C-alpha atoms as a PDB file:
ATOM      1  CA  MET A   1       0.308  -0.105  -0.135  1.00  0.00           C
ATOM      2  CA  ASP A   2       1.441   3.430  -0.733  1.00  0.00           C
ATOM      3  CA  PHE A   3       1.286   5.799   1.983  1.00  0.00           C
ATOM      4  CA  SER A   4       3.798   8.375   0.986  1.00  0.00           C
ATOM      5  CA  ALA A   5       1.157  11.178   0.774  1.00  0.00           C
ATOM      6  CA  LEU A   6      -0.068  10.601   4.296  1.00  0.00           C
ATOM      7  CA  ASN A   7       3.424   9.642   5.677  1.00  0.00           C
ATOM      8  CA  ASN A   8       4.986  12.903   4.804  1.00  0.00           C
ATOM      9  CA  LYS A   9       2.432  13.987   7.716  1.00  0.00           C
ATOM     10  CA  SER A  10       4.490  12.297   9.914  1.00  0.00           C
ATOM     11  CA  ASN A  11       7.893  14.225   8.863  1.00  0.00           C
ATOM     12  CA  PHE A  12       9.655  16.520  12.096  1.00  0.00           C
ATOM     13  CA  HIS A  13      10.355  19.972  11.159  1.00  0.00           C
ATOM     14  CA  ALA A  14      12.209  22.427  13.249  1.00  0.00           C
ATOM     15  CA  ARG A  15      10.407  24.524  16.180  1.00  0.00           C
ATOM     16  CA  SER A  16       9.451  28.061  15.872  1.00  0.00           C
ATOM     17  CA  ASN A  17      11.748  30.889  17.392  1.00  0.00           C
ATOM     18  CA  SER A  18       8.540  31.945  19.305  1.00  0.00           C
ATOM     19  CA  LEU A  19       9.036  29.334  21.671  1.00  0.00           C
ATOM     20  CA  PRO A  20       9.759  30.456  24.995  1.00  0.00           C
ATOM     21  CA  SER A  21      13.336  29.886  26.467  1.00  0.00           C
ATOM     22  CA  ARG A  22      12.141  27.984  28.799  1.00  0.00           C
ATOM     23  CA  PRO A  23       9.303  26.053  27.538  1.00  0.00           C
ATOM     24  CA  HIS A  24       6.378  24.979  30.130  1.00  0.00           C
ATOM     25  CA  PRO A  25       7.573  20.812  31.530  1.00  0.00           C
ATOM     26  CA  LEU A  26       4.788  19.779  29.577  1.00  0.00           C
ATOM     27  CA  ILE A  27       6.488  20.640  26.319  1.00  0.00           C
ATOM     28  CA  PRO A  28       9.819  18.433  26.024  1.00  0.00           C
ATOM     29  CA  GLN A  29       7.310  15.468  27.226  1.00  0.00           C
ATOM     30  CA  ILE A  30       5.428  15.261  24.225  1.00  0.00           C
ATOM     31  CA  ASP A  31       8.426  15.752  22.175  1.00  0.00           C
ATOM     32  CA  GLU A  32       9.946  12.713  23.828  1.00  0.00           C
ATOM     33  CA  LEU A  33       6.859  11.086  23.339  1.00  0.00           C
ATOM     34  CA  LEU A  34       6.454  12.604  20.068  1.00  0.00           C
ATOM     35  CA  CYS A  35      10.842  11.279  18.782  1.00  0.00           C
ATOM     36  CA  ARG A  36      10.068   7.579  20.922  1.00  0.00           C
ATOM     37  CA  LEU A  37       6.791   7.267  18.361  1.00  0.00           C
ATOM     38  CA  LYS A  38       8.551   8.488  15.340  1.00  0.00           C
ATOM     39  CA  SER A  39      11.413   6.047  15.990  1.00  0.00           C
ATOM     40  CA  TYR A  40       8.836   2.805  16.299  1.00  0.00           C
ATOM     41  CA  GLU A  41       8.329   3.610  12.163  1.00  0.00           C
ATOM     42  CA  ALA A  42      11.281   1.422  11.292  1.00  0.00           C
ATOM     43  CA  ALA A  43       9.993  -1.302  14.154  1.00  0.00           C
ATOM     44  CA  SER A  44       8.053  -4.870  13.930  1.00  0.00           C
ATOM     45  CA  SER A  45       4.445  -4.349  12.263  1.00  0.00           C
ATOM     46  CA  SER A  46       3.762  -7.341  14.820  1.00  0.00           C
ATOM     47  CA  SER A  47       0.823  -6.572  16.865  1.00  0.00           C
ATOM     48  CA  SER A  48       2.583  -6.136  20.443  1.00  0.00           C
ATOM     49  CA  SER A  49       3.965  -3.106  18.680  1.00  0.00           C
ATOM     50  CA  ILE A  50       1.098  -1.466  17.388  1.00  0.00           C
ATOM     51  CA  THR A  51      -0.543  -1.861  20.621  1.00  0.00           C
ATOM     52  CA  GLU A  52       2.742   0.223  22.305  1.00  0.00           C
ATOM     53  CA  LYS A  53       2.921   2.757  19.598  1.00  0.00           C
ATOM     54  CA  LEU A  54      -1.328   3.214  20.349  1.00  0.00           C
ATOM     55  CA  ASN A  55      -0.558   3.241  24.088  1.00  0.00           C
ATOM     56  CA  GLY A  56       2.107   5.591  23.182  1.00  0.00           C
ATOM     57  CA  LEU A  57      -0.529   7.765  21.649  1.00  0.00           C
ATOM     58  CA  ARG A  58      -2.753   7.702  24.190  1.00  0.00           C
ATOM     59  CA  ASP A  59      -0.503   8.779  26.923  1.00  0.00           C
ATOM     60  CA  MET A  60       0.544  11.707  24.304  1.00  0.00           C
ATOM     61  CA  TYR A  61      -2.682  12.955  23.922  1.00  0.00           C
ATOM     62  CA  GLU A  62      -3.189  12.859  27.615  1.00  0.00           C
ATOM     63  CA  LEU A  63      -0.159  15.538  27.729  1.00  0.00           C
ATOM     64  CA  VAL A  64      -1.660  17.394  25.149  1.00  0.00           C
ATOM     65  CA  HIS A  65      -4.907  17.716  26.723  1.00  0.00           C
ATOM     66  CA  SER A  66      -3.146  19.115  29.534  1.00  0.00           C
ATOM     67  CA  PHE A  67      -1.502  21.309  27.738  1.00  0.00           C
ATOM     68  CA  LEU A  68      -4.143  22.845  25.967  1.00  0.00           C
ATOM     69  CA  GLN A  69      -5.767  23.958  29.197  1.00  0.00           C
ATOM     70  CA  LEU A  70      -2.806  26.414  29.910  1.00  0.00           C
ATOM     71  CA  PRO A  71      -3.450  29.843  29.649  1.00  0.00           C
ATOM     72  CA  SER A  72      -0.598  30.347  27.419  1.00  0.00           C
ATOM     73  CA  THR A  73      -1.722  27.645  24.759  1.00  0.00           C
ATOM     74  CA  ARG A  74      -5.662  28.799  25.020  1.00  0.00           C
ATOM     75  CA  ASN A  75      -4.427  32.798  24.358  1.00  0.00           C
ATOM     76  CA  SER A  76      -2.144  31.416  21.620  1.00  0.00           C
ATOM     77  CA  LEU A  77      -5.039  29.053  19.797  1.00  0.00           C
ATOM     78  CA  ALA A  78      -7.320  31.821  20.269  1.00  0.00           C
ATOM     79  CA  GLN A  79      -5.593  34.295  18.178  1.00  0.00           C
ATOM     80  CA  ASN A  80      -3.910  31.841  15.852  1.00  0.00           C
ATOM     81  CA  CYS A  81      -5.657  31.698  11.733  1.00  0.00           C
ATOM     82  CA  ASN A  82      -4.769  28.373  11.237  1.00  0.00           C
ATOM     83  CA  ASN A  83      -7.222  26.853  13.750  1.00  0.00           C
ATOM     84  CA  ASN A  84      -9.366  25.550  10.667  1.00  0.00           C
ATOM     85  CA  GLN A  85      -6.666  23.570   9.236  1.00  0.00           C
ATOM     86  CA  LEU A  86      -5.940  22.185  12.594  1.00  0.00           C
ATOM     87  CA  LEU A  87      -9.804  21.157  13.217  1.00  0.00           C
ATOM     88  CA  ASN A  88      -9.869  19.311   9.702  1.00  0.00           C
ATOM     89  CA  GLY A  89      -6.677  17.425  10.484  1.00  0.00           C
ATOM     90  CA  SER A  90      -8.500  16.618  13.626  1.00  0.00           C
ATOM     91  CA  LEU A  91     -11.532  15.256  11.253  1.00  0.00           C
ATOM     92  CA  LYS A  92      -9.447  13.418   9.287  1.00  0.00           C
ATOM     93  CA  LEU A  93      -7.617  11.400  11.792  1.00  0.00           C
ATOM     94  CA  LEU A  94     -10.938  10.635  13.396  1.00  0.00           C
ATOM     95  CA  ASP A  95     -11.938   9.197   9.805  1.00  0.00           C
ATOM     96  CA  VAL A  96      -9.145   7.119   9.746  1.00  0.00           C
ATOM     97  CA  CYS A  97      -9.796   5.619  13.374  1.00  0.00           C
ATOM     98  CA  GLY A  98     -13.418   5.188  12.521  1.00  0.00           C
ATOM     99  CA  LEU A  99     -12.078   3.209   9.373  1.00  0.00           C
ATOM    100  CA  ALA A 100      -9.671   0.780  11.426  1.00  0.00           C
ATOM    101  CA  LYS A 101     -11.723  -0.222  14.185  1.00  0.00           C
ATOM    102  CA  ASP A 102     -14.748  -0.967  11.359  1.00  0.00           C
ATOM    103  CA  ALA A 103     -11.775  -3.121   9.833  1.00  0.00           C
ATOM    104  CA  LEU A 104     -10.902  -4.657  13.015  1.00  0.00           C
ATOM    105  CA  LEU A 105     -14.502  -5.602  14.013  1.00  0.00           C
ATOM    106  CA  GLN A 106     -14.875  -6.679  10.508  1.00  0.00           C
ATOM    107  CA  ALA A 107     -11.518  -8.755  10.600  1.00  0.00           C
ATOM    108  CA  LYS A 108     -12.970 -10.093  13.980  1.00  0.00           C
ATOM    109  CA  ASP A 109     -16.344 -10.955  12.916  1.00  0.00           C
ATOM    110  CA  ASP A 110     -14.646 -12.909   9.810  1.00  0.00           C
ATOM    111  CA  THR A 111     -12.155 -14.908  12.159  1.00  0.00           C
ATOM    112  CA  GLN A 112     -14.622 -16.021  14.564  1.00  0.00           C
ATOM    113  CA  GLN A 113     -16.775 -17.486  11.499  1.00  0.00           C
ATOM    114  CA  LEU A 114     -14.110 -19.421  10.161  1.00  0.00           C
ATOM    115  CA  GLN A 115     -12.935 -20.932  13.649  1.00  0.00           C
ATOM    116  CA  SER A 116     -17.007 -21.657  14.373  1.00  0.00           C
ATOM    117  CA  VAL A 117     -16.666 -23.331  10.645  1.00  0.00           C
ATOM    118  CA  PHE A 118     -13.420 -25.281  11.799  1.00  0.00           C
ATOM    119  CA  ARG A 119     -14.868 -26.407  14.814  1.00  0.00           C
ATOM    120  CA  ARG A 120     -18.094 -27.808  13.384  1.00  0.00           C
ATOM    121  CA  ARG A 121     -16.259 -29.505   9.908  1.00  0.00           C
ATOM    122  CA  ARG A 122     -13.581 -32.131  11.715  1.00  0.00           C
ATOM    123  CA  GLY A 123     -11.939 -34.235   9.360  1.00  0.00           C
ATOM    124  CA  ASP A 124     -13.832 -32.354   6.265  1.00  0.00           C
ATOM    125  CA  ASP A 125     -10.853 -31.412   4.501  1.00  0.00           C
ATOM    126  CA  ALA A 126     -12.512 -30.475   1.165  1.00  0.00           C
ATOM    127  CA  GLY A 127     -14.626 -28.208   3.270  1.00  0.00           C
ATOM    128  CA  PHE A 128     -11.908 -26.746   4.988  1.00  0.00           C
ATOM    129  CA  ALA A 129     -10.600 -25.741   1.976  1.00  0.00           C
ATOM    130  CA  ASN A 130     -13.115 -24.029   0.447  1.00  0.00           C
ATOM    131  CA  GLU A 131     -14.266 -21.999   3.597  1.00  0.00           C
ATOM    132  CA  ALA A 132     -10.050 -21.129   3.690  1.00  0.00           C
ATOM    133  CA  LYS A 133     -10.715 -19.859  -0.039  1.00  0.00           C
ATOM    134  CA  ALA A 134     -13.814 -17.799   1.666  1.00  0.00           C
ATOM    135  CA  TYR A 135     -12.399 -16.067   4.029  1.00  0.00           C
ATOM    136  CA  LEU A 136      -9.179 -15.121   1.761  1.00  0.00           C
ATOM    137  CA  ALA A 137     -11.734 -14.024  -0.384  1.00  0.00           C
ATOM    138  CA  THR A 138     -13.522 -11.764   1.935  1.00  0.00           C
ATOM    139  CA  ARG A 139     -10.594 -10.180   3.406  1.00  0.00           C
ATOM    140  CA  LYS A 140      -8.966  -8.978   0.028  1.00  0.00           C
ATOM    141  CA  LYS A 141     -12.281  -7.118  -0.444  1.00  0.00           C
ATOM    142  CA  ALA A 142     -11.972  -5.530   2.405  1.00  0.00           C
ATOM    143  CA  ASN A 143      -8.590  -4.364   1.807  1.00  0.00           C
ATOM    144  CA  LYS A 144      -9.839  -2.843  -1.482  1.00  0.00           C
ATOM    145  CA  LEU A 145     -12.271  -0.851   0.451  1.00  0.00           C
ATOM    146  CA  ILE A 146      -9.217   0.060   3.080  1.00  0.00           C
ATOM    147  CA  ASN A 147      -7.636   0.997  -0.085  1.00  0.00           C
ATOM    148  CA  LYS A 148     -10.044   3.051  -1.480  1.00  0.00           C
ATOM    149  CA  PHE A 149     -10.155   5.069   1.409  1.00  0.00           C
ATOM    150  CA  LEU A 150      -6.998   6.001   1.598  1.00  0.00           C
ATOM    151  CA  ARG A 151      -6.489   6.942  -1.759  1.00  0.00           C
ATOM    152  CA  ASP A 152      -9.625   9.247  -1.204  1.00  0.00           C
ATOM    153  CA  LEU A 153      -8.455  10.493   1.919  1.00  0.00           C
ATOM    154  CA  LYS A 154      -7.353  14.019   0.857  1.00  0.00           C
ATOM    155  CA  ILE A 155      -4.497  15.056   3.428  1.00  0.00           C
ATOM    156  CA  SER A 156      -3.282  18.895   2.918  1.00  0.00           C
ATOM    157  CA  LYS A 157       0.300  19.600   3.372  1.00  0.00           C
ATOM    158  CA  CYS A 158       1.592  22.150   5.827  1.00  0.00           C
ATOM    159  CA  GLY A 159       4.568  24.181   6.090  1.00  0.00           C
ATOM    160  CA  PHE A 160       5.677  24.892   9.807  1.00  0.00           C
ATOM    161  CA  ALA A 161       9.052  27.363   9.131  1.00  0.00           C
ATOM    162  CA  ASP A 162       6.144  30.478   9.878  1.00  0.00           C
ATOM    163  CA  VAL A 163       3.503  28.512  11.740  1.00  0.00           C
ATOM    164  CA  GLU A 164       3.510  29.448  15.733  1.00  0.00           C
ATOM    165  CA  ALA A 165       5.296  27.019  17.627  1.00  0.00           C
ATOM    166  CA  THR A 166       1.797  25.733  19.762  1.00  0.00           C
ATOM    167  CA  ILE A 167       0.395  24.800  16.200  1.00  0.00           C
ATOM    168  CA  SER A 168       3.633  23.584  14.998  1.00  0.00           C
ATOM    169  CA  MET A 169       3.482  21.274  18.004  1.00  0.00           C
ATOM    170  CA  LEU A 170      -0.391  20.074  17.874  1.00  0.00           C
ATOM    171  CA  ARG A 171       0.796  19.448  13.908  1.00  0.00           C
ATOM    172  CA  ASP A 172       3.241  17.445  14.595  1.00  0.00           C
ATOM    173  CA  VAL A 173       1.311  15.310  16.961  1.00  0.00           C
ATOM    174  CA  GLU A 174      -1.274  15.099  14.188  1.00  0.00           C
ATOM    175  CA  GLY A 175       1.488  13.830  11.531  1.00  0.00           C
ATOM    176  CA  VAL A 176       2.751  10.972  14.122  1.00  0.00           C
ATOM    177  CA  THR A 177      -1.098   9.817  14.710  1.00  0.00           C
ATOM    178  CA  PHE A 178      -1.586   9.483  11.279  1.00  0.00           C
ATOM    179  CA  THR A 179       1.787   7.283  10.698  1.00  0.00           C
ATOM    180  CA  VAL A 180       0.641   5.123  13.353  1.00  0.00           C
ATOM    181  CA  LEU A 181      -2.666   4.854  12.024  1.00  0.00           C
ATOM    182  CA  LEU A 182      -1.263   4.182   8.722  1.00  0.00           C
ATOM    183  CA  SER A 183       0.855   0.896  10.544  1.00  0.00           C
ATOM    184  CA  VAL A 184      -2.548  -0.250  12.134  1.00  0.00           C
ATOM    185  CA  LEU A 185      -3.945  -0.416   8.400  1.00  0.00           C
ATOM    186  CA  SER A 186      -1.080  -1.678   6.945  1.00  0.00           C
ATOM    187  CA  TYR A 187      -0.720  -4.409   9.967  1.00  0.00           C
ATOM    188  CA  ILE A 188      -4.997  -5.554   8.801  1.00  0.00           C
ATOM    189  CA  THR A 189      -4.298  -5.411   5.155  1.00  0.00           C
ATOM    190  CA  ALA A 190      -1.808  -8.539   5.198  1.00  0.00           C
ATOM    191  CA  LEU A 191      -0.513  -9.787   1.878  1.00  0.00           C
ATOM    192  CA  ILE A 192      -3.330 -12.183   0.642  1.00  0.00           C
ATOM    193  CA  SER A 193      -2.801 -14.649  -2.872  1.00  0.00           C
ATOM    194  CA  GLU A 194      -5.861 -15.197  -5.400  1.00  0.00           C
ATOM    195  CA  PRO A 195      -7.847 -17.897  -3.025  1.00  0.00           C
ATOM    196  CA  LYS A 196      -6.847 -20.950  -5.178  1.00  0.00           C
ATOM    197  CA  SER A 197      -5.010 -24.275  -5.132  1.00  0.00           C
ATOM    198  CA  ILE A 198      -1.090 -22.815  -4.348  1.00  0.00           C
ATOM    199  CA  SER A 199       2.235 -25.040  -4.452  1.00  0.00           C
ATOM    200  CA  TRP A 200       5.004 -24.994  -1.972  1.00  0.00           C
ATOM    201  CA  SER A 201       7.358 -23.104  -4.427  1.00  0.00           C
ATOM    202  CA  LEU A 202       4.378 -20.717  -5.098  1.00  0.00           C
ATOM    203  CA  PHE A 203       3.282 -20.333  -1.671  1.00  0.00           C
ATOM    204  CA  SER A 204       7.054 -20.006  -0.673  1.00  0.00           C
ATOM    205  CA  LYS A 205       7.069 -17.214  -3.101  1.00  0.00           C
ATOM    206  CA  LEU A 206       3.806 -15.345  -1.996  1.00  0.00           C
ATOM    207  CA  MET A 207       5.027 -14.969   2.131  1.00  0.00           C
ATOM    208  CA  HIS A 208       8.464 -13.409  -0.011  1.00  0.00           C
ATOM    209  CA  SER A 209      11.055 -12.338   3.333  1.00  0.00           C
ATOM    210  CA  LYS A 210       8.515 -14.086   5.326  1.00  0.00           C
ATOM    211  CA  ARG A 211      10.133 -17.583   6.526  1.00  0.00           C
ATOM    212  CA  VAL A 212       7.988 -20.498   6.382  1.00  0.00           C
ATOM    213  CA  THR A 213       8.947 -23.973   7.918  1.00  0.00           C
ATOM    214  CA  CYS A 214       8.183 -26.917   6.193  1.00  0.00           C
ATOM    215  CA  GLN A 215       5.392 -27.738   8.270  1.00  0.00           C
ATOM    216  CA  GLY A 216       3.466 -24.450   7.006  1.00  0.00           C
ATOM    217  CA  GLN A 217       3.617 -22.564  10.249  1.00  0.00           C
ATOM    218  CA  ALA A 218       5.110 -18.655   8.973  1.00  0.00           C
ATOM    219  CA  SER A 219       7.402 -17.228  10.918  1.00  0.00           C
ATOM    220  CA  ALA A 220       6.104 -13.535  10.326  1.00  0.00           C
ATOM    221  CA  THR A 221       5.341 -11.311  13.166  1.00  0.00           C
ATOM    222  CA  ASN A 222       1.937 -10.113  11.775  1.00  0.00           C
ATOM    223  CA  GLU A 223      -1.146 -12.464  12.684  1.00  0.00           C
ATOM    224  CA  PHE A 224      -3.002 -12.034   9.866  1.00  0.00           C
ATOM    225  CA  ASP A 225       0.048 -13.037   7.915  1.00  0.00           C
ATOM    226  CA  ARG A 226       0.552 -15.731   9.511  1.00  0.00           C
ATOM    227  CA  VAL A 227      -3.365 -16.678   9.148  1.00  0.00           C
ATOM    228  CA  ASN A 228      -3.092 -16.133   5.468  1.00  0.00           C
ATOM    229  CA  ALA A 229      -0.239 -18.227   5.623  1.00  0.00           C
ATOM    230  CA  ILE A 230      -1.741 -21.086   7.146  1.00  0.00           C
ATOM    231  CA  LEU A 231      -4.993 -20.962   4.998  1.00  0.00           C
ATOM    232  CA  CYS A 232      -2.999 -20.830   1.565  1.00  0.00           C
ATOM    233  CA  SER A 233      -1.213 -23.813   2.332  1.00  0.00           C
ATOM    234  CA  LEU A 234      -4.731 -25.694   3.455  1.00  0.00           C
ATOM    235  CA  ILE A 235      -5.783 -24.772   0.451  1.00  0.00           C
ATOM    236  CA  GLY A 236      -2.972 -26.323  -1.281  1.00  0.00           C
ATOM    237  CA  SER A 237      -3.851 -29.983  -0.070  1.00  0.00           C
ATOM    238  CA  LYS A 238      -1.992 -29.647   2.635  1.00  0.00           C
ATOM    239  CA  THR A 239      -3.380 -30.439   6.105  1.00  0.00           C
ATOM    240  CA  GLU A 240      -2.948 -27.682   8.706  1.00  0.00           C
ATOM    241  CA  THR A 241      -6.378 -27.459  10.718  1.00  0.00           C
ATOM    242  CA  GLU A 242      -4.955 -27.883  14.030  1.00  0.00           C
ATOM    243  CA  ASN A 243      -2.502 -25.041  13.138  1.00  0.00           C
ATOM    244  CA  ALA A 244      -4.721 -22.743  11.522  1.00  0.00           C
ATOM    245  CA  GLN A 245      -7.140 -23.312  14.501  1.00  0.00           C
ATOM    246  CA  ASN A 246      -4.445 -21.888  16.615  1.00  0.00           C
ATOM    247  CA  GLU A 247      -3.174 -18.699  14.679  1.00  0.00           C
ATOM    248  CA  LEU A 248      -7.067 -17.970  14.041  1.00  0.00           C
ATOM    249  CA  GLN A 249      -6.988 -17.922  18.046  1.00  0.00           C
ATOM    250  CA  LYS A 250      -3.892 -15.641  18.388  1.00  0.00           C
ATOM    251  CA  LEU A 251      -5.158 -13.689  15.631  1.00  0.00           C
ATOM    252  CA  GLU A 252      -8.508 -12.918  17.317  1.00  0.00           C
ATOM    253  CA  SER A 253      -6.563 -12.019  20.793  1.00  0.00           C
ATOM    254  CA  SER A 254      -4.295  -9.932  18.402  1.00  0.00           C
ATOM    255  CA  ILE A 255      -7.457  -7.720  17.105  1.00  0.00           C
ATOM    256  CA  GLU A 256      -8.874  -7.130  20.405  1.00  0.00           C
ATOM    257  CA  ASP A 257      -5.373  -5.980  21.701  1.00  0.00           C
ATOM    258  CA  ILE A 258      -5.489  -3.302  18.566  1.00  0.00           C
ATOM    259  CA  GLU A 259      -9.246  -2.730  18.523  1.00  0.00           C
ATOM    260  CA  GLY A 260      -9.225  -1.308  22.317  1.00  0.00           C
ATOM    261  CA  GLY A 261      -5.936   0.222  21.827  1.00  0.00           C
ATOM    262  CA  VAL A 262      -7.951   2.151  18.534  1.00  0.00           C
ATOM    263  CA  GLU A 263     -11.216   2.634  20.545  1.00  0.00           C
ATOM    264  CA  CYS A 264      -8.878   4.504  23.469  1.00  0.00           C
ATOM    265  CA  LEU A 265      -7.444   6.576  20.465  1.00  0.00           C
ATOM    266  CA  ILE A 266     -10.929   7.583  19.308  1.00  0.00           C
ATOM    267  CA  ARG A 267     -11.760   8.985  22.706  1.00  0.00           C
ATOM    268  CA  VAL A 268      -8.914  10.738  23.025  1.00  0.00           C
ATOM    269  CA  LEU A 269      -9.190  12.332  20.315  1.00  0.00           C
ATOM    270  CA  ILE A 270     -12.563  13.394  20.595  1.00  0.00           C
ATOM    271  CA  LYS A 271     -11.618  15.522  23.962  1.00  0.00           C
ATOM    272  CA  THR A 272      -8.936  16.913  22.555  1.00  0.00           C
ATOM    273  CA  ARG A 273     -11.075  17.986  19.470  1.00  0.00           C
ATOM    274  CA  VAL A 274     -13.731  19.494  21.790  1.00  0.00           C
ATOM    275  CA  SER A 275     -10.883  21.584  24.085  1.00  0.00           C
ATOM    276  CA  ILE A 276      -9.757  22.740  20.697  1.00  0.00           C
ATOM    277  CA  LEU A 277     -13.206  23.841  19.635  1.00  0.00           C
ATOM    278  CA  ASN A 278     -13.920  25.192  23.220  1.00  0.00           C
ATOM    279  CA  ILE A 279     -10.758  27.559  22.975  1.00  0.00           C
ATOM    280  CA  ILE A 280     -11.275  29.004  19.219  1.00  0.00           C
ATOM    281  CA  SER A 281     -15.190  29.831  20.040  1.00  0.00           C
ATOM    282  CA  HIS A 282     -14.629  31.604  23.024  1.00  0.00           C
END
């Protein structure tokens, strides 16, 4: 998935000279979390790393909320002409959060349904293969919808050099939030092959750099990838039903962890947006 248009938002820029020589203690705390979240970009895309990023965003927005209550911040925002861009950015963040939440709910439902089928059809290898094909087809359709949403999402580029320091920091927060949300969507849209019979050699190519053992267990850190790998192996007439059920259970647990993080992020984003609206409307 090409996230270049959105990833530009996460680039950090030099702060304006309007920052005080002795900034409020909240400012370096927010900057520290921004830098930490930025360093996660090249890290693993496992569910645990994504959950850690979402937790970092939650902590950062709690600090941002406190920062917005400072008289100096309120005065700065009340007089700034860039507030519309800030509010538009917060709406887009909520849109992406909504997409991620819906995609996770759909993925969890698909996973639970497939687990239910596997429990009912014991020993029915042909039935398992057909259900695996149906699952992969459903996930592929969902991924197309996510890709379309991201293509249609318009993110305005804003220079920071002449932007007042408070707005600049809040836009940096917005940028890194987009980056983390994109990692969530990238995690959900794990590589999926066409649902058809796959030989072991083609299956290995499908996984690219992701290593797969001779028993068909993917060692990729992305739980979606591991489920897709097992199901593709199952479609290729390899009896992997027990492994598939185990991986589906792990995937469901991982989805629930990330889902909780996204729901928490939505709450703090709404709280932050309400604070900004209250400031600029008075």
